[in-house]
Structure formats: C-alpha cells, structure tokens
C-alpha atoms as a PDB file:
ATOM      1  CA  MET A   1     127.640  66.670 107.111  1.00  0.00           C
ATOM      2  CA  SER A   2     126.764  69.459 104.645  1.00  0.00           C
ATOM      3  CA  ALA A   3     126.081  72.615 106.287  1.00  0.00           C
ATOM      4  CA  TYR A   4     123.372  72.726 103.567  1.00  0.00           C
ATOM      5  CA  VAL A   5     121.937  68.984 104.878  1.00  0.00           C
ATOM      6  CA  LYS A   6     119.413  69.842 107.051  1.00  0.00           C
ATOM      7  CA  PHE A   7     118.073  66.607 107.782  1.00  0.00           C
ATOM      8  CA  THR A   8     119.696  64.128 110.496  1.00  0.00           C
ATOM      9  CA  SER A   9     120.762  61.084 108.143  1.00  0.00           C
ATOM     10  CA  GLU A  10     122.064  57.631 109.074  1.00  0.00           C
ATOM     11  CA  CYS A  11     123.625  55.236 106.634  1.00  0.00           C
ATOM     12  CA  VAL A  12     122.934  51.646 106.939  1.00  0.00           C
ATOM     13  CA  ASN A  13     125.167  50.231 104.103  1.00  0.00           C
ATOM     14  CA  SER A  14     128.415  52.262 102.599  1.00  0.00           C
ATOM     15  CA  ALA A  15     128.164  49.757  99.464  1.00  0.00           C
ATOM     16  CA  LEU A  16     126.079  50.844  97.052  1.00  0.00           C
ATOM     17  CA  SER A  17     124.998  47.918  94.711  1.00  0.00           C
ATOM     18  CA  PRO A  18     124.923  48.802  90.624  1.00  0.00           C
ATOM     19  CA  PHE A  19     121.624  49.877  89.517  1.00  0.00           C
ATOM     20  CA  THR A  20     120.022  49.145  86.168  1.00  0.00           C
ATOM     21  CA  ALA A  21     118.941  52.806  85.285  1.00  0.00           C
ATOM     22  CA  PHE A  22     122.488  54.188  86.183  1.00  0.00           C
ATOM     23  CA  ALA A  23     123.418  54.638  82.635  1.00  0.00           C
ATOM     24  CA  GLU A  24     120.319  56.402  82.062  1.00  0.00           C
ATOM     25  CA  PHE A  25     120.845  58.703  85.165  1.00  0.00           C
ATOM     26  CA  ASN A  26     124.226  59.866  84.160  1.00  0.00           C
ATOM     27  CA  ALA A  27     123.289  60.765  80.704  1.00  0.00           C
ATOM     28  CA  HIS A  28     120.383  62.902  81.946  1.00  0.00           C
ATOM     29  CA  ARG A  29     122.295  64.520  84.416  1.00  0.00           C
ATOM     30  CA  ARG A  30     125.228  65.521  81.579  1.00  0.00           C
ATOM     31  CA  LYS A  31     122.228  67.131  79.722  1.00  0.00           C
ATOM     32  CA  LEU A  32     121.612  69.161  82.700  1.00  0.00           C
ATOM     33  CA  LEU A  33     125.217  70.007  83.421  1.00  0.00           C
ATOM     34  CA  GLU A  34     125.655  71.053  79.860  1.00  0.00           C
ATOM     35  CA  LEU A  35     122.732  73.486  80.076  1.00  0.00           C
ATOM     36  CA  ARG A  36     124.036  74.872  83.143  1.00  0.00           C
ATOM     37  CA  LEU A  37     120.631  73.827  85.150  1.00  0.00           C
ATOM     38  CA  ILE A  38     123.115  71.798  87.710  1.00  0.00           C
ATOM     39  CA  GLY A  39     126.218  72.235  88.788  1.00  0.00           C
ATOM     40  CA  VAL A  40     128.526  74.562  90.919  1.00  0.00           C
ATOM     41  CA  ASP A  41     127.657  78.428  91.968  1.00  0.00           C
ATOM     42  CA  PRO A  42     130.848  81.193  91.868  1.00  0.00           C
ATOM     43  CA  SER A  43     130.718  80.595  95.120  1.00  0.00           C
ATOM     44  CA  GLY A  44     131.467  77.021  94.907  1.00  0.00           C
ATOM     45  CA  ILE A  45     127.979  75.859  96.323  1.00  0.00           C
ATOM     46  CA  SER A  46     126.847  72.838  94.209  1.00  0.00           C
ATOM     47  CA  PHE A  47     123.160  73.118  93.114  1.00  0.00           C
ATOM     48  CA  GLY A  48     120.389  70.842  91.564  1.00  0.00           C
ATOM     49  CA  ASN A  49     119.935  67.075  91.885  1.00  0.00           C
ATOM     50  CA  LEU A  50     118.284  63.822  90.448  1.00  0.00           C
ATOM     51  CA  SER A  51     116.849  60.738  91.805  1.00  0.00           C
ATOM     52  CA  ILE A  52     114.835  57.834  90.713  1.00  0.00           C
ATOM     53  CA  ARG A  53     112.666  55.393  92.066  1.00  0.00           C
ATOM     54  CA  ASP A  54     113.889  52.014  92.775  1.00  0.00           C
ATOM     55  CA  GLY A  55     110.947  50.070  91.477  1.00  0.00           C
ATOM     56  CA  VAL A  56     107.561  50.198  92.859  1.00  0.00           C
ATOM     57  CA  THR A  57     109.016  51.168  96.119  1.00  0.00           C
ATOM     58  CA  ASN A  58     109.327  54.524  97.854  1.00  0.00           C
ATOM     59  CA  ASN A  59     113.238  54.028  97.844  1.00  0.00           C
ATOM     60  CA  PHE A  60     114.969  55.813  95.402  1.00  0.00           C
ATOM     61  CA  TYR A  61     118.539  56.419  94.099  1.00  0.00           C
ATOM     62  CA  ILE A  62     119.516  60.081  93.996  1.00  0.00           C
ATOM     63  CA  THR A  63     122.669  62.195  93.590  1.00  0.00           C
ATOM     64  CA  GLY A  64     125.111  62.779  96.571  1.00  0.00           C
ATOM     65  CA  SER A  65     125.542  65.983  98.476  1.00  0.00           C
ATOM     66  CA  GLY A  66     127.825  68.416  97.105  1.00  0.00           C
ATOM     67  CA  THR A  67     128.517  66.394  93.734  1.00  0.00           C
ATOM     68  CA  GLY A  68     127.212  69.531  91.487  1.00  0.00           C
ATOM     69  CA  GLU A  69     131.040  69.933  90.139  1.00  0.00           C
ATOM     70  CA  ILE A  70     131.536  66.272  89.031  1.00  0.00           C
ATOM     71  CA  SER A  71     131.359  65.733  85.553  1.00  0.00           C
ATOM     72  CA  GLN A  72     130.581  61.891  85.455  1.00  0.00           C
ATOM     73  CA  LEU A  73     129.437  60.293  88.302  1.00  0.00           C
ATOM     74  CA  THR A  74     130.199  57.145  89.710  1.00  0.00           C
ATOM     75  CA  LEU A  75     128.380  54.753  92.203  1.00  0.00           C
ATOM     76  CA  ALA A  76     130.420  56.529  95.157  1.00  0.00           C
ATOM     77  CA  HIS A  77     128.478  60.080  93.883  1.00  0.00           C
ATOM     78  CA  CYS A  78     125.018  58.375  94.965  1.00  0.00           C
ATOM     79  CA  ALA A  79     123.205  57.488  97.445  1.00  0.00           C
ATOM     80  CA  LYS A  80     120.086  54.902  97.534  1.00  0.00           C
ATOM     81  CA  VAL A  81     117.101  56.409 100.497  1.00  0.00           C
ATOM     82  CA  VAL A  82     115.771  53.382 101.731  1.00  0.00           C
ATOM     83  CA  ALA A  83     113.622  55.631 104.682  1.00  0.00           C
ATOM     84  CA  TYR A  84     112.519  58.560 105.458  1.00  0.00           C
ATOM     85  CA  ASP A  85     110.650  60.468 108.250  1.00  0.00           C
ATOM     86  CA  PHE A  86     109.131  63.595 107.582  1.00  0.00           C
ATOM     87  CA  GLU A  87     108.033  64.431 111.070  1.00  0.00           C
ATOM     88  CA  ASN A  88     111.223  63.264 112.407  1.00  0.00           C
ATOM     89  CA  ASN A  89     113.189  65.265 109.946  1.00  0.00           C
ATOM     90  CA  CYS A  90     115.542  62.075 109.059  1.00  0.00           C
ATOM     91  CA  VAL A  91     116.513  59.974 106.298  1.00  0.00           C
ATOM     92  CA  ARG A  92     118.268  56.721 106.477  1.00  0.00           C
ATOM     93  CA  TYR A  93     120.408  56.088 103.432  1.00  0.00           C
ATOM     94  CA  GLU A  94     122.895  53.358 101.428  1.00  0.00           C
ATOM     95  CA  GLY A  95     125.939  54.829  99.765  1.00  0.00           C
ATOM     96  CA  SER A  96     129.119  56.245 100.601  1.00  0.00           C
ATOM     97  CA  VAL A  97     127.679  59.673 100.293  1.00  0.00           C
ATOM     98  CA  ILE A  98     125.139  61.862 101.744  1.00  0.00           C
ATOM     99  CA  PRO A  99     121.679  62.038  99.963  1.00  0.00           C
ATOM    100  CA  SER A 100     121.111  65.571  98.505  1.00  0.00           C
ATOM    101  CA  SER A 101     120.088  68.389 100.809  1.00  0.00           C
ATOM    102  CA  GLU A 102     117.017  67.895  98.677  1.00  0.00           C
ATOM    103  CA  SER A 103     116.113  64.082  99.620  1.00  0.00           C
ATOM    104  CA  LEU A 104     112.858  65.302 101.342  1.00  0.00           C
ATOM    105  CA  THR A 105     111.758  67.222  98.804  1.00  0.00           C
ATOM    106  CA  HIS A 106     112.309  63.739  96.063  1.00  0.00           C
ATOM    107  CA  ALA A 107     110.281  61.659  98.936  1.00  0.00           C
ATOM    108  CA  ALA A 108     107.349  63.992  98.993  1.00  0.00           C
ATOM    109  CA  ILE A 109     106.897  63.276  95.019  1.00  0.00           C
ATOM    110  CA  TYR A 110     107.068  59.854  95.124  1.00  0.00           C
ATOM    111  CA  THR A 111     104.844  59.675  98.480  1.00  0.00           C
ATOM    112  CA  SER A 112     102.326  61.927  96.830  1.00  0.00           C
ATOM    113  CA  ASP A 113     102.098  59.848  92.997  1.00  0.00           C
ATOM    114  CA  THR A 114     102.691  56.653  92.644  1.00  0.00           C
ATOM    115  CA  ALA A 115     103.242  57.286  88.633  1.00  0.00           C
ATOM    116  CA  ALA A 116     106.372  59.605  89.467  1.00  0.00           C
ATOM    117  CA  ARG A 117     109.121  57.595  88.647  1.00  0.00           C
ATOM    118  CA  ALA A 118     112.055  60.075  88.314  1.00  0.00           C
ATOM    119  CA  VAL A 119     112.434  63.973  89.982  1.00  0.00           C
ATOM    120  CA  ILE A 120     114.875  66.975  88.939  1.00  0.00           C
ATOM    121  CA  HIS A 121     115.516  69.708  90.854  1.00  0.00           C
ATOM    122  CA  CYS A 122     117.490  72.166  88.722  1.00  0.00           C
ATOM    123  CA  HIS A 123     117.992  76.171  89.079  1.00  0.00           C
ATOM    124  CA  GLU A 124     117.475  78.722  86.463  1.00  0.00           C
ATOM    125  CA  SER A 125     116.453  82.157  87.385  1.00  0.00           C
ATOM    126  CA  ARG A 126     114.895  83.267  84.130  1.00  0.00           C
ATOM    127  CA  LEU A 127     112.681  80.212  84.342  1.00  0.00           C
ATOM    128  CA  TRP A 128     111.606  80.615  87.901  1.00  0.00           C
ATOM    129  CA  VAL A 129     110.639  84.455  87.333  1.00  0.00           C
ATOM    130  CA  ALA A 130     108.193  83.221  84.563  1.00  0.00           C
ATOM    131  CA  LEU A 131     106.962  80.111  86.376  1.00  0.00           C
ATOM    132  CA  PHE A 132     106.752  82.053  89.370  1.00  0.00           C
ATOM    133  CA  ASP A 133     102.763  82.054  90.627  1.00  0.00           C
ATOM    134  CA  GLN A 134     101.819  80.696  87.081  1.00  0.00           C
ATOM    135  CA  ALA A 135     102.918  77.026  87.719  1.00  0.00           C
ATOM    136  CA  PRO A 136     102.161  75.377  91.425  1.00  0.00           C
ATOM    137  CA  THR A 137     104.460  77.300  93.427  1.00  0.00           C
ATOM    138  CA  SER A 138     105.232  76.695  97.062  1.00  0.00           C
ATOM    139  CA  ALA A 139     104.991  79.393 100.392  1.00  0.00           C
ATOM    140  CA  LYS A 140     108.043  81.927 100.440  1.00  0.00           C
ATOM    141  CA  THR A 141     108.598  80.942 103.739  1.00  0.00           C
ATOM    142  CA  VAL A 142     109.252  77.427 103.317  1.00  0.00           C
ATOM    143  CA  GLY A 143     112.917  76.630 103.138  1.00  0.00           C
ATOM    144  CA  TYR A 144     114.369  73.993 101.054  1.00  0.00           C
ATOM    145  CA  GLY A 145     115.254  70.599 102.213  1.00  0.00           C
ATOM    146  CA  THR A 146     113.447  70.931 104.858  1.00  0.00           C
ATOM    147  CA  PRO A 147     110.196  68.815 106.425  1.00  0.00           C
ATOM    148  CA  GLU A 148     107.698  72.045 105.994  1.00  0.00           C
ATOM    149  CA  MET A 149     108.857  71.843 101.859  1.00  0.00           C
ATOM    150  CA  ALA A 150     107.627  67.948 102.022  1.00  0.00           C
ATOM    151  CA  TYR A 151     104.571  68.958 103.744  1.00  0.00           C
ATOM    152  CA  GLU A 152     103.781  71.871 101.023  1.00  0.00           C
ATOM    153  CA  ILE A 153     104.658  69.929  98.018  1.00  0.00           C
ATOM    154  CA  MET A 154     102.233  67.087  99.118  1.00  0.00           C
ATOM    155  CA  ARG A 155      99.447  70.147  99.667  1.00  0.00           C
ATOM    156  CA  LEU A 156     100.469  71.287  96.269  1.00  0.00           C
ATOM    157  CA  PHE A 157      99.414  68.020  95.339  1.00  0.00           C
ATOM    158  CA  THR A 158      95.892  68.302  96.554  1.00  0.00           C
ATOM    159  CA  VAL A 159      94.696  71.820  95.701  1.00  0.00           C
ATOM    160  CA  THR A 160      96.570  72.461  92.291  1.00  0.00           C
ATOM    161  CA  ASP A 161      97.358  70.733  89.073  1.00  0.00           C
ATOM    162  CA  ILE A 162     101.087  69.307  89.548  1.00  0.00           C
ATOM    163  CA  GLN A 163     100.210  66.320  88.910  1.00  0.00           C
ATOM    164  CA  SER A 164      99.237  66.845  85.420  1.00  0.00           C
ATOM    165  CA  ARG A 165     101.746  69.553  85.132  1.00  0.00           C
ATOM    166  CA  LYS A 166     104.669  67.709  86.680  1.00  0.00           C
ATOM    167  CA  VAL A 167     106.554  71.284  87.737  1.00  0.00           C
ATOM    168  CA  LEU A 168     106.812  73.226  90.695  1.00  0.00           C
ATOM    169  CA  VAL A 169     108.150  76.425  91.971  1.00  0.00           C
ATOM    170  CA  MET A 170     110.028  76.733  94.927  1.00  0.00           C
ATOM    171  CA  ALA A 171     109.203  80.169  95.824  1.00  0.00           C
ATOM    172  CA  GLY A 172     111.481  80.573  99.126  1.00  0.00           C
ATOM    173  CA  HIS A 173     114.578  79.038  97.264  1.00  0.00           C
ATOM    174  CA  GLU A 174     115.438  81.305  93.991  1.00  0.00           C
ATOM    175  CA  GLY A 175     115.615  80.118  91.289  1.00  0.00           C
ATOM    176  CA  GLY A 176     114.518  76.299  92.317  1.00  0.00           C
ATOM    177  CA  ILE A 177     112.411  74.362  90.091  1.00  0.00           C
ATOM    178  CA  VAL A 178     110.944  70.971  90.105  1.00  0.00           C
ATOM    179  CA  THR A 179     109.857  68.487  87.394  1.00  0.00           C
ATOM    180  CA  PHE A 180     109.197  64.628  87.280  1.00  0.00           C
ATOM    181  CA  GLY A 181     107.786  62.327  85.657  1.00  0.00           C
ATOM    182  CA  ARG A 182     107.333  58.376  84.695  1.00  0.00           C
ATOM    183  CA  ASN A 183     111.282  58.436  83.641  1.00  0.00           C
ATOM    184  CA  LEU A 184     113.905  60.826  83.520  1.00  0.00           C
ATOM    185  CA  GLU A 185     113.158  61.319  80.150  1.00  0.00           C
ATOM    186  CA  GLU A 186     109.886  62.697  80.569  1.00  0.00           C
ATOM    187  CA  ALA A 187     110.822  64.671  84.103  1.00  0.00           C
ATOM    188  CA  PHE A 188     113.544  66.155  81.187  1.00  0.00           C
ATOM    189  CA  ALA A 189     111.205  66.761  78.754  1.00  0.00           C
ATOM    190  CA  VAL A 190     108.861  68.988  80.828  1.00  0.00           C
ATOM    191  CA  LEU A 191     111.364  71.104  81.936  1.00  0.00           C
ATOM    192  CA  MET A 192     112.685  71.654  78.706  1.00  0.00           C
ATOM    193  CA  ARG A 193     109.056  72.114  77.572  1.00  0.00           C
ATOM    194  CA  GLU A 194     108.528  74.929  80.287  1.00  0.00           C
ATOM    195  CA  ARG A 195     111.962  76.425  79.269  1.00  0.00           C
ATOM    196  CA  THR A 196     110.647  76.654  75.670  1.00  0.00           C
ATOM    197  CA  ARG A 197     107.229  78.007  76.492  1.00  0.00           C
ATOM    198  CA  SER A 198     108.841  80.534  78.931  1.00  0.00           C
ATOM    199  CA  SER A 199     110.973  81.519  76.238  1.00  0.00           C
ATOM    200  CA  SER A 200     108.146  81.867  73.951  1.00  0.00           C
ATOM    201  CA  CYS A 201     106.229  83.917  75.944  1.00  0.00           C
ATOM    202  CA  VAL A 202     109.324  86.491  76.925  1.00  0.00           C
ATOM    203  CA  ASP A 203     110.298  86.904  73.169  1.00  0.00           C
ATOM    204  CA  THR A 204     106.681  88.082  72.582  1.00  0.00           C
ATOM    205  CA  GLY A 205     106.914  90.610  75.110  1.00  0.00           C
ATOM    206  CA  PHE A 206     104.395  88.869  77.777  1.00  0.00           C
ATOM    207  CA  HIS A 207     104.587  90.275  81.017  1.00  0.00           C
ATOM    208  CA  LYS A 208     106.274  87.786  83.507  1.00  0.00           C
ATOM    209  CA  ARG A 209     102.940  87.514  85.721  1.00  0.00           C
ATOM    210  CA  THR A 210     101.021  86.935  82.439  1.00  0.00           C
ATOM    211  CA  PRO A 211      99.624  82.831  82.348  1.00  0.00           C
ATOM    212  CA  LEU A 212     102.300  80.942  80.413  1.00  0.00           C
ATOM    213  CA  CYS A 213     101.133  80.830  76.404  1.00  0.00           C
END
C-alpha cells in the first residue's frame, strides 16, 4: 500500500469492467494535467485525483493512487469504490490499483450531495491562498485522506454554502482544492470559474483576504 494512503482497503475484484464515462474521465484529466493542476511534484509524489459516480449509487470510479505521472489512463489505472466506512477508515474496491488516497473525501461529497456526480481534487497554491476562508474551508487540524476530513466535509455541507458554490479549500493540505458538480464538465467549470475570479481580484490589487469579487 502507498505510504500516502491512510485507509485500510480490500480488493473484492481485481478486474475493473469498462464504464461509459471513461472517455470523459480521461479527457478532463488531460485538461487538468495540461494546466498542472494534477500530476507529480518535484519529489516524485503524485497529486490530484478525480472521480465520477456510478449511476445513482454511492459507488464511484476514481483514479488510482500514484498515477499522477501517467498521461493517458487505462482501466488498470482506475478503481471503483464499492463500499466505505468512515468510522472504521476502510474502503472496498474493484480494480488492480488501490484507489486514490482521497477516496474518503470523494465519498463524503457523494454522501452529502445526491446531485453530485463528479469530484475533482487538484493543487494550486495561488488559488488556495486566494480562496482560503473565502470559500468553504476545512479546519487546519484536519489531515487529507482521513475519516476526520470526511466528517469535516459533511459538516461544511451543514454550515456553509458549499452545496451551491461547489468548491472547498483543504486548510490542512496546502494547495488542496476540491470542486464537484453534476458531471465532470461542471466540476471543471467551477474550478475554472474560481481561477478566473481569483486572478481578476489579484490583478486589481485586492488583498487575498478580501471577499472574491
């Protein structure tokens, strides 16, 4: 298991069946790679991931752990999360690769918002600074990929406008931004919207703690 995966996992089927949204999945991932919002950092550590819900279930397809350097995914680089338990910090999945270390984070969004069909987790320092405490923001003490982060996200759904804004800042995970939507197109559009708004505010000299435009 990757040192960065904090949950225990069980593979229930090493063969992952093709899914209809795979082409869309790869297309949006390529856009994120081109923008360097996901990938591999200078020390060789993969960052960023995306997922798509399986129909009306709470199961979802997600990029595998440690796949950030791969330019074109195959099914062997994806996993399908078929069960998860926040309290016991465990995930069951199908596929030949362990699902992303942020699987519980994605699960928390799908659990909290039945309309959410896709989730993107990316890293961008400038956007992270601009959105910090200006968008729904998790507590600094909460680490990435943990049950505590899952519970924190579910809390944000009850006390912030995250459901309508569809973005959150991971305060304890520098650079970490999460967006979601009815599909990957919307989740990606939310991310581009926030980047554009952030750039506009910076360009006009607004202080980073000033509400965004």
